Amino acid sequence: MKKIQVLGTGCPKCKKLAENAEAAAKALGVAYELEKVTQINDIMKMGVMMTPALAVDGVVKVVGKVASADDIKTMLS
């Protein structure tokens, strides 16, 4: 099971990134758990200084932009 984390405070960009991540995982048929990391301290512990960010299995893949569902599919496969 893939662990997908969306790091951000809940702004519209963060919500869009979460939607794209969910769409990508569903399109690939990947078993996943989506976690929204909203606490600034938790985000900074992962080395992220700009949101939104996306981590897959604890590895930060995207920082400071909304990745498309197609880009996220590549990260998940």
PDB file of N, CA and C in Angstrom:
ATOM      1  N   MET A   1       0.846  -1.190   0.000  1.00  0.00           N
ATOM      2  CA  MET A   1       0.000   0.000   0.000  1.00  0.00           C
ATOM      3  C   MET A   1       0.885   1.245   0.000  1.00  0.00           C
ATOM      4  N   LYS A   2       0.560   2.170  -0.877  1.00  0.00           N
ATOM      5  CA  LYS A   2       1.291   3.432  -0.958  1.00  0.00           C
ATOM      6  C   LYS A   2       0.750   4.407   0.088  1.00  0.00           C
ATOM      7  N   LYS A   3       1.652   5.130   0.712  1.00  0.00           N
ATOM      8  CA  LYS A   3       1.249   6.185   1.640  1.00  0.00           C
ATOM      9  C   LYS A   3       1.483   7.517   0.928  1.00  0.00           C
ATOM     10  N   ILE A   4       0.387   8.219   0.648  1.00  0.00           N
ATOM     11  CA  ILE A   4       0.458   9.503  -0.038  1.00  0.00           C
ATOM     12  C   ILE A   4       0.169  10.589   0.990  1.00  0.00           C
ATOM     13  N   GLN A   5       1.090  11.536   1.103  1.00  0.00           N
ATOM     14  CA  GLN A   5       0.908  12.638   2.055  1.00  0.00           C
ATOM     15  C   GLN A   5       0.860  13.960   1.295  1.00  0.00           C
ATOM     16  N   VAL A   6      -0.169  14.742   1.576  1.00  0.00           N
ATOM     17  CA  VAL A   6      -0.278  16.087   1.037  1.00  0.00           C
ATOM     18  C   VAL A   6       0.082  17.028   2.179  1.00  0.00           C
ATOM     19  N   LEU A   7       1.127  17.803   1.974  1.00  0.00           N
ATOM     20  CA  LEU A   7       1.604  18.713   3.002  1.00  0.00           C
ATOM     21  C   LEU A   7       1.144  20.123   2.676  1.00  0.00           C
ATOM     22  N   GLY A   8       0.379  20.704   3.564  1.00  0.00           N
ATOM     23  CA  GLY A   8      -0.117  22.062   3.360  1.00  0.00           C
ATOM     24  C   GLY A   8      -1.179  22.392   4.385  1.00  0.00           C
ATOM     25  N   THR A   9      -1.501  23.663   4.473  1.00  0.00           N
ATOM     26  CA  THR A   9      -2.405  24.131   5.523  1.00  0.00           C
ATOM     27  C   THR A   9      -3.879  24.026   5.154  1.00  0.00           C
ATOM     28  N   GLY A  10      -4.178  23.548   3.964  1.00  0.00           N
ATOM     29  CA  GLY A  10      -5.574  23.400   3.567  1.00  0.00           C
ATOM     30  C   GLY A  10      -6.046  24.465   2.592  1.00  0.00           C
ATOM     31  N   CYS A  11      -5.115  25.138   1.937  1.00  0.00           N
ATOM     32  CA  CYS A  11      -5.458  26.162   0.952  1.00  0.00           C
ATOM     33  C   CYS A  11      -6.036  25.493  -0.300  1.00  0.00           C
ATOM     34  N   PRO A  12      -6.622  26.263  -1.204  1.00  0.00           N
ATOM     35  CA  PRO A  12      -7.181  25.672  -2.430  1.00  0.00           C
ATOM     36  C   PRO A  12      -6.163  24.849  -3.232  1.00  0.00           C
ATOM     37  N   LYS A  13      -4.906  25.284  -3.289  1.00  0.00           N
ATOM     38  CA  LYS A  13      -3.883  24.527  -4.017  1.00  0.00           C
ATOM     39  C   LYS A  13      -3.632  23.177  -3.348  1.00  0.00           C
ATOM     40  N   CYS A  14      -3.648  23.177  -2.021  1.00  0.00           N
ATOM     41  CA  CYS A  14      -3.442  21.923  -1.282  1.00  0.00           C
ATOM     42  C   CYS A  14      -4.581  20.954  -1.562  1.00  0.00           C
ATOM     43  N   LYS A  15      -5.789  21.463  -1.596  1.00  0.00           N
ATOM     44  CA  LYS A  15      -6.956  20.621  -1.857  1.00  0.00           C
ATOM     45  C   LYS A  15      -6.906  20.060  -3.271  1.00  0.00           C
ATOM     46  N   LYS A  16      -6.471  20.867  -4.224  1.00  0.00           N
ATOM     47  CA  LYS A  16      -6.365  20.408  -5.617  1.00  0.00           C
ATOM     48  C   LYS A  16      -5.301  19.321  -5.745  1.00  0.00           C
ATOM     49  N   LEU A  17      -4.184  19.495  -5.030  1.00  0.00           N
ATOM     50  CA  LEU A  17      -3.127  18.492  -5.062  1.00  0.00           C
ATOM     51  C   LEU A  17      -3.634  17.174  -4.482  1.00  0.00           C
ATOM     52  N   ALA A  18      -4.421  17.247  -3.411  1.00  0.00           N
ATOM     53  CA  ALA A  18      -5.002  16.037  -2.813  1.00  0.00           C
ATOM     54  C   ALA A  18      -5.949  15.350  -3.797  1.00  0.00           C
ATOM     55  N   GLU A  19      -6.773  16.140  -4.487  1.00  0.00           N
ATOM     56  CA  GLU A  19      -7.691  15.589  -5.492  1.00  0.00           C
ATOM     57  C   GLU A  19      -6.911  14.892  -6.609  1.00  0.00           C
ATOM     58  N   ASN A  20      -5.856  15.548  -7.094  1.00  0.00           N
ATOM     59  CA  ASN A  20      -5.047  14.976  -8.174  1.00  0.00           C
ATOM     60  C   ASN A  20      -4.372  13.684  -7.731  1.00  0.00           C
ATOM     61  N   ALA A  21      -3.884  13.658  -6.495  1.00  0.00           N
ATOM     62  CA  ALA A  21      -3.212  12.463  -5.977  1.00  0.00           C
ATOM     63  C   ALA A  21      -4.197  11.298  -5.879  1.00  0.00           C
ATOM     64  N   GLU A  22      -5.389  11.601  -5.387  1.00  0.00           N
ATOM     65  CA  GLU A  22      -6.413  10.563  -5.255  1.00  0.00           C
ATOM     66  C   GLU A  22      -6.833  10.044  -6.634  1.00  0.00           C
ATOM     67  N   ALA A  23      -7.010  10.948  -7.592  1.00  0.00           N
ATOM     68  CA  ALA A  23      -7.393  10.563  -8.949  1.00  0.00           C
ATOM     69  C   ALA A  23      -6.312   9.685  -9.585  1.00  0.00           C
ATOM     70  N   ALA A  24      -5.053  10.035  -9.367  1.00  0.00           N
ATOM     71  CA  ALA A  24      -3.945   9.263  -9.940  1.00  0.00           C
ATOM     72  C   ALA A  24      -3.901   7.859  -9.351  1.00  0.00           C
ATOM     73  N   ALA A  25      -4.049   7.749  -8.043  1.00  0.00           N
ATOM     74  CA  ALA A  25      -3.998   6.440  -7.389  1.00  0.00           C
ATOM     75  C   ALA A  25      -5.164   5.566  -7.838  1.00  0.00           C
ATOM     76  N   LYS A  26      -6.347   6.164  -7.946  1.00  0.00           N
ATOM     77  CA  LYS A  26      -7.518   5.402  -8.385  1.00  0.00           C
ATOM     78  C   LYS A  26      -7.367   4.959  -9.834  1.00  0.00           C
ATOM     79  N   ALA A  27      -6.818   5.825 -10.683  1.00  0.00           N
ATOM     80  CA  ALA A  27      -6.646   5.486 -12.097  1.00  0.00           C
ATOM     81  C   ALA A  27      -5.675   4.325 -12.275  1.00  0.00           C
ATOM     82  N   LEU A  28      -4.670   4.258 -11.403  1.00  0.00           N
ATOM     83  CA  LEU A  28      -3.685   3.174 -11.485  1.00  0.00           C
ATOM     84  C   LEU A  28      -4.164   1.914 -10.768  1.00  0.00           C
ATOM     85  N   GLY A  29      -5.210   2.043  -9.975  1.00  0.00           N
ATOM     86  CA  GLY A  29      -5.690   0.908  -9.202  1.00  0.00           C
ATOM     87  C   GLY A  29      -4.763   0.551  -8.054  1.00  0.00           C
ATOM     88  N   VAL A  30      -4.058   1.546  -7.545  1.00  0.00           N
ATOM     89  CA  VAL A  30      -3.086   1.342  -6.467  1.00  0.00           C
ATOM     90  C   VAL A  30      -3.796   1.427  -5.118  1.00  0.00           C
ATOM     91  N   ALA A  31      -3.471   0.485  -4.229  1.00  0.00           N
ATOM     92  CA  ALA A  31      -3.970   0.586  -2.854  1.00  0.00           C
ATOM     93  C   ALA A  31      -3.197   1.723  -2.197  1.00  0.00           C
ATOM     94  N   TYR A  32      -3.910   2.651  -1.571  1.00  0.00           N
ATOM     95  CA  TYR A  32      -3.235   3.819  -1.009  1.00  0.00           C
ATOM     96  C   TYR A  32      -3.930   4.307   0.251  1.00  0.00           C
ATOM     97  N   GLU A  33      -3.168   5.073   1.008  1.00  0.00           N
ATOM     98  CA  GLU A  33      -3.679   5.787   2.175  1.00  0.00           C
ATOM     99  C   GLU A  33      -3.307   7.250   1.956  1.00  0.00           C
ATOM    100  N   LEU A  34      -4.309   8.123   1.998  1.00  0.00           N
ATOM    101  CA  LEU A  34      -4.061   9.551   1.795  1.00  0.00           C
ATOM    102  C   LEU A  34      -4.083  10.247   3.143  1.00  0.00           C
ATOM    103  N   GLU A  35      -2.993  10.937   3.432  1.00  0.00           N
ATOM    104  CA  GLU A  35      -2.883  11.673   4.692  1.00  0.00           C
ATOM    105  C   GLU A  35      -2.645  13.136   4.375  1.00  0.00           C
ATOM    106  N   LYS A  36      -3.369  13.999   5.060  1.00  0.00           N
ATOM    107  CA  LYS A  36      -3.160  15.438   4.907  1.00  0.00           C
ATOM    108  C   LYS A  36      -2.380  15.927   6.126  1.00  0.00           C
ATOM    109  N   VAL A  37      -1.178  16.419   5.870  1.00  0.00           N
ATOM    110  CA  VAL A  37      -0.310  16.923   6.932  1.00  0.00           C
ATOM    111  C   VAL A  37      -0.485  18.439   6.959  1.00  0.00           C
ATOM    112  N   THR A  38      -1.136  18.936   8.006  1.00  0.00           N
ATOM    113  CA  THR A  38      -1.492  20.359   8.046  1.00  0.00           C
ATOM    114  C   THR A  38      -0.719  21.154   9.097  1.00  0.00           C
ATOM    115  N   GLN A  39      -0.066  20.480  10.019  1.00  0.00           N
ATOM    116  CA  GLN A  39       0.669  21.191  11.065  1.00  0.00           C
ATOM    117  C   GLN A  39       2.026  21.655  10.532  1.00  0.00           C
ATOM    118  N   ILE A  40       2.301  22.940  10.680  1.00  0.00           N
ATOM    119  CA  ILE A  40       3.539  23.526  10.157  1.00  0.00           C
ATOM    120  C   ILE A  40       4.772  22.785  10.667  1.00  0.00           C
ATOM    121  N   ASN A  41       4.794  22.440  11.952  1.00  0.00           N
ATOM    122  CA  ASN A  41       5.953  21.741  12.517  1.00  0.00           C
ATOM    123  C   ASN A  41       6.182  20.391  11.849  1.00  0.00           C
ATOM    124  N   ASP A  42       5.098  19.653  11.577  1.00  0.00           N
ATOM    125  CA  ASP A  42       5.216  18.356  10.914  1.00  0.00           C
ATOM    126  C   ASP A  42       5.709  18.516   9.477  1.00  0.00           C
ATOM    127  N   ILE A  43       5.226  19.571   8.811  1.00  0.00           N
ATOM    128  CA  ILE A  43       5.652  19.845   7.430  1.00  0.00           C
ATOM    129  C   ILE A  43       7.150  20.170   7.408  1.00  0.00           C
ATOM    130  N   MET A  44       7.591  21.015   8.348  1.00  0.00           N
ATOM    131  CA  MET A  44       9.002  21.406   8.391  1.00  0.00           C
ATOM    132  C   MET A  44       9.907  20.227   8.756  1.00  0.00           C
ATOM    133  N   LYS A  45       9.417  19.297   9.572  1.00  0.00           N
ATOM    134  CA  LYS A  45      10.209  18.099   9.924  1.00  0.00           C
ATOM    135  C   LYS A  45      10.537  17.271   8.695  1.00  0.00           C
ATOM    136  N   MET A  46       9.687  17.369   7.676  1.00  0.00           N
ATOM    137  CA  MET A  46       9.938  16.629   6.429  1.00  0.00           C
ATOM    138  C   MET A  46      10.834  17.412   5.479  1.00  0.00           C
ATOM    139  N   GLY A  47      11.326  18.569   5.934  1.00  0.00           N
ATOM    140  CA  GLY A  47      12.249  19.362   5.126  1.00  0.00           C
ATOM    141  C   GLY A  47      11.568  20.235   4.096  1.00  0.00           C
ATOM    142  N   VAL A  48      10.266  20.460   4.250  1.00  0.00           N
ATOM    143  CA  VAL A  48       9.506  21.245   3.281  1.00  0.00           C
ATOM    144  C   VAL A  48       9.310  22.660   3.820  1.00  0.00           C
ATOM    145  N   MET A  49       9.685  23.638   3.000  1.00  0.00           N
ATOM    146  CA  MET A  49       9.542  25.039   3.399  1.00  0.00           C
ATOM    147  C   MET A  49       8.501  25.785   2.566  1.00  0.00           C
ATOM    148  N   MET A  50       7.987  25.137   1.530  1.00  0.00           N
ATOM    149  CA  MET A  50       6.992  25.762   0.663  1.00  0.00           C
ATOM    150  C   MET A  50       5.886  24.748   0.366  1.00  0.00           C
ATOM    151  N   THR A  51       4.645  25.199   0.501  1.00  0.00           N
ATOM    152  CA  THR A  51       3.522  24.300   0.241  1.00  0.00           C
ATOM    153  C   THR A  51       2.773  24.768  -0.998  1.00  0.00           C
ATOM    154  N   PRO A  52       1.978  23.917  -1.610  1.00  0.00           N
ATOM    155  CA  PRO A  52       1.735  22.531  -1.227  1.00  0.00           C
ATOM    156  C   PRO A  52       2.906  21.628  -1.597  1.00  0.00           C
ATOM    157  N   ALA A  53       2.959  20.478  -0.939  1.00  0.00           N
ATOM    158  CA  ALA A  53       3.989  19.484  -1.242  1.00  0.00           C
ATOM    159  C   ALA A  53       3.338  18.105  -1.213  1.00  0.00           C
ATOM    160  N   LEU A  54       3.983  17.178  -1.882  1.00  0.00           N
ATOM    161  CA  LEU A  54       3.468  15.812  -1.956  1.00  0.00           C
ATOM    162  C   LEU A  54       4.594  14.849  -1.618  1.00  0.00           C
ATOM    163  N   ALA A  55       4.295  13.900  -0.732  1.00  0.00           N
ATOM    164  CA  ALA A  55       5.257  12.853  -0.389  1.00  0.00           C
ATOM    165  C   ALA A  55       4.611  11.502  -0.676  1.00  0.00           C
ATOM    166  N   VAL A  56       5.423  10.586  -1.185  1.00  0.00           N
ATOM    167  CA  VAL A  56       4.974   9.221  -1.437  1.00  0.00           C
ATOM    168  C   VAL A  56       5.875   8.297  -0.632  1.00  0.00           C
ATOM    169  N   ASP A  57       5.269   7.512   0.241  1.00  0.00           N
ATOM    170  CA  ASP A  57       6.003   6.597   1.117  1.00  0.00           C
ATOM    171  C   ASP A  57       7.110   7.329   1.883  1.00  0.00           C
ATOM    172  N   GLY A  58       6.807   8.541   2.347  1.00  0.00           N
ATOM    173  CA  GLY A  58       7.744   9.303   3.172  1.00  0.00           C
ATOM    174  C   GLY A  58       8.796  10.082   2.414  1.00  0.00           C
ATOM    175  N   VAL A  59       8.800   9.981   1.082  1.00  0.00           N
ATOM    176  CA  VAL A  59       9.783  10.696   0.262  1.00  0.00           C
ATOM    177  C   VAL A  59       9.084  11.870  -0.421  1.00  0.00           C
ATOM    178  N   VAL A  60       9.594  13.084  -0.181  1.00  0.00           N
ATOM    179  CA  VAL A  60       8.991  14.276  -0.773  1.00  0.00           C
ATOM    180  C   VAL A  60       9.280  14.284  -2.273  1.00  0.00           C
ATOM    181  N   LYS A  61       8.214  14.381  -3.062  1.00  0.00           N
ATOM    182  CA  LYS A  61       8.336  14.319  -4.521  1.00  0.00           C
ATOM    183  C   LYS A  61       8.098  15.672  -5.193  1.00  0.00           C
ATOM    184  N   VAL A  62       7.208  16.487  -4.617  1.00  0.00           N
ATOM    185  CA  VAL A  62       6.846  17.772  -5.221  1.00  0.00           C
ATOM    186  C   VAL A  62       6.783  18.817  -4.118  1.00  0.00           C
ATOM    187  N   VAL A  63       7.352  20.006  -4.381  1.00  0.00           N
ATOM    188  CA  VAL A  63       7.305  21.103  -3.410  1.00  0.00           C
ATOM    189  C   VAL A  63       6.913  22.386  -4.125  1.00  0.00           C
ATOM    190  N   GLY A  64       5.927  23.085  -3.559  1.00  0.00           N
ATOM    191  CA  GLY A  64       5.593  24.419  -4.032  1.00  0.00           C
ATOM    192  C   GLY A  64       4.768  24.492  -5.300  1.00  0.00           C
ATOM    193  N   LYS A  65       4.189  23.361  -5.728  1.00  0.00           N
ATOM    194  CA  LYS A  65       3.341  23.418  -6.917  1.00  0.00           C
ATOM    195  C   LYS A  65       2.305  22.315  -6.862  1.00  0.00           C
ATOM    196  N   VAL A  66       1.291  22.459  -7.685  1.00  0.00           N
ATOM    197  CA  VAL A  66       0.243  21.445  -7.784  1.00  0.00           C
ATOM    198  C   VAL A  66       0.595  20.539  -8.956  1.00  0.00           C
ATOM    199  N   ALA A  67       1.003  19.323  -8.639  1.00  0.00           N
ATOM    200  CA  ALA A  67       1.340  18.359  -9.690  1.00  0.00           C
ATOM    201  C   ALA A  67       0.056  17.843 -10.316  1.00  0.00           C
ATOM    202  N   SER A  68       0.108  17.588 -11.615  1.00  0.00           N
ATOM    203  CA  SER A  68      -1.067  17.042 -12.311  1.00  0.00           C
ATOM    204  C   SER A  68      -1.237  15.570 -11.950  1.00  0.00           C
ATOM    205  N   ALA A  69      -2.429  15.058 -12.187  1.00  0.00           N
ATOM    206  CA  ALA A  69      -2.686  13.639 -11.927  1.00  0.00           C
ATOM    207  C   ALA A  69      -1.733  12.765 -12.734  1.00  0.00           C
ATOM    208  N   ASP A  70      -1.434  13.160 -13.963  1.00  0.00           N
ATOM    209  CA  ASP A  70      -0.527  12.384 -14.805  1.00  0.00           C
ATOM    210  C   ASP A  70       0.883  12.358 -14.213  1.00  0.00           C
ATOM    211  N   ASP A  71       1.333  13.503 -13.700  1.00  0.00           N
ATOM    212  CA  ASP A  71       2.671  13.554 -13.065  1.00  0.00           C
ATOM    213  C   ASP A  71       2.696  12.645 -11.834  1.00  0.00           C
ATOM    214  N   ILE A  72       1.617  12.654 -11.078  1.00  0.00           N
ATOM    215  CA  ILE A  72       1.566  11.852  -9.855  1.00  0.00           C
ATOM    216  C   ILE A  72       1.512  10.364 -10.187  1.00  0.00           C
ATOM    217  N   LYS A  73       0.850  10.019 -11.290  1.00  0.00           N
ATOM    218  CA  LYS A  73       0.823   8.600 -11.711  1.00  0.00           C
ATOM    219  C   LYS A  73       2.255   8.086 -11.899  1.00  0.00           C
ATOM    220  N   THR A  74       3.092   8.903 -12.511  1.00  0.00           N
ATOM    221  CA  THR A  74       4.490   8.515 -12.729  1.00  0.00           C
ATOM    222  C   THR A  74       5.197   8.277 -11.398  1.00  0.00           C
ATOM    223  N   MET A  75       4.904   9.134 -10.414  1.00  0.00           N
ATOM    224  CA  MET A  75       5.535   8.993  -9.101  1.00  0.00           C
ATOM    225  C   MET A  75       5.071   7.734  -8.363  1.00  0.00           C
ATOM    226  N   LEU A  76       3.847   7.325  -8.625  1.00  0.00           N
ATOM    227  CA  LEU A  76       3.285   6.177  -7.918  1.00  0.00           C
ATOM    228  C   LEU A  76       3.632   4.846  -8.554  1.00  0.00           C
ATOM    229  N   SER A  77       4.020   4.879  -9.837  1.00  0.00           N
ATOM    230  CA  SER A  77       4.279   3.593 -10.514  1.00  0.00           C
ATOM    231  C   SER A  77       5.764   3.258 -10.545  1.00  0.00           C
TER     232      SER A  77
END
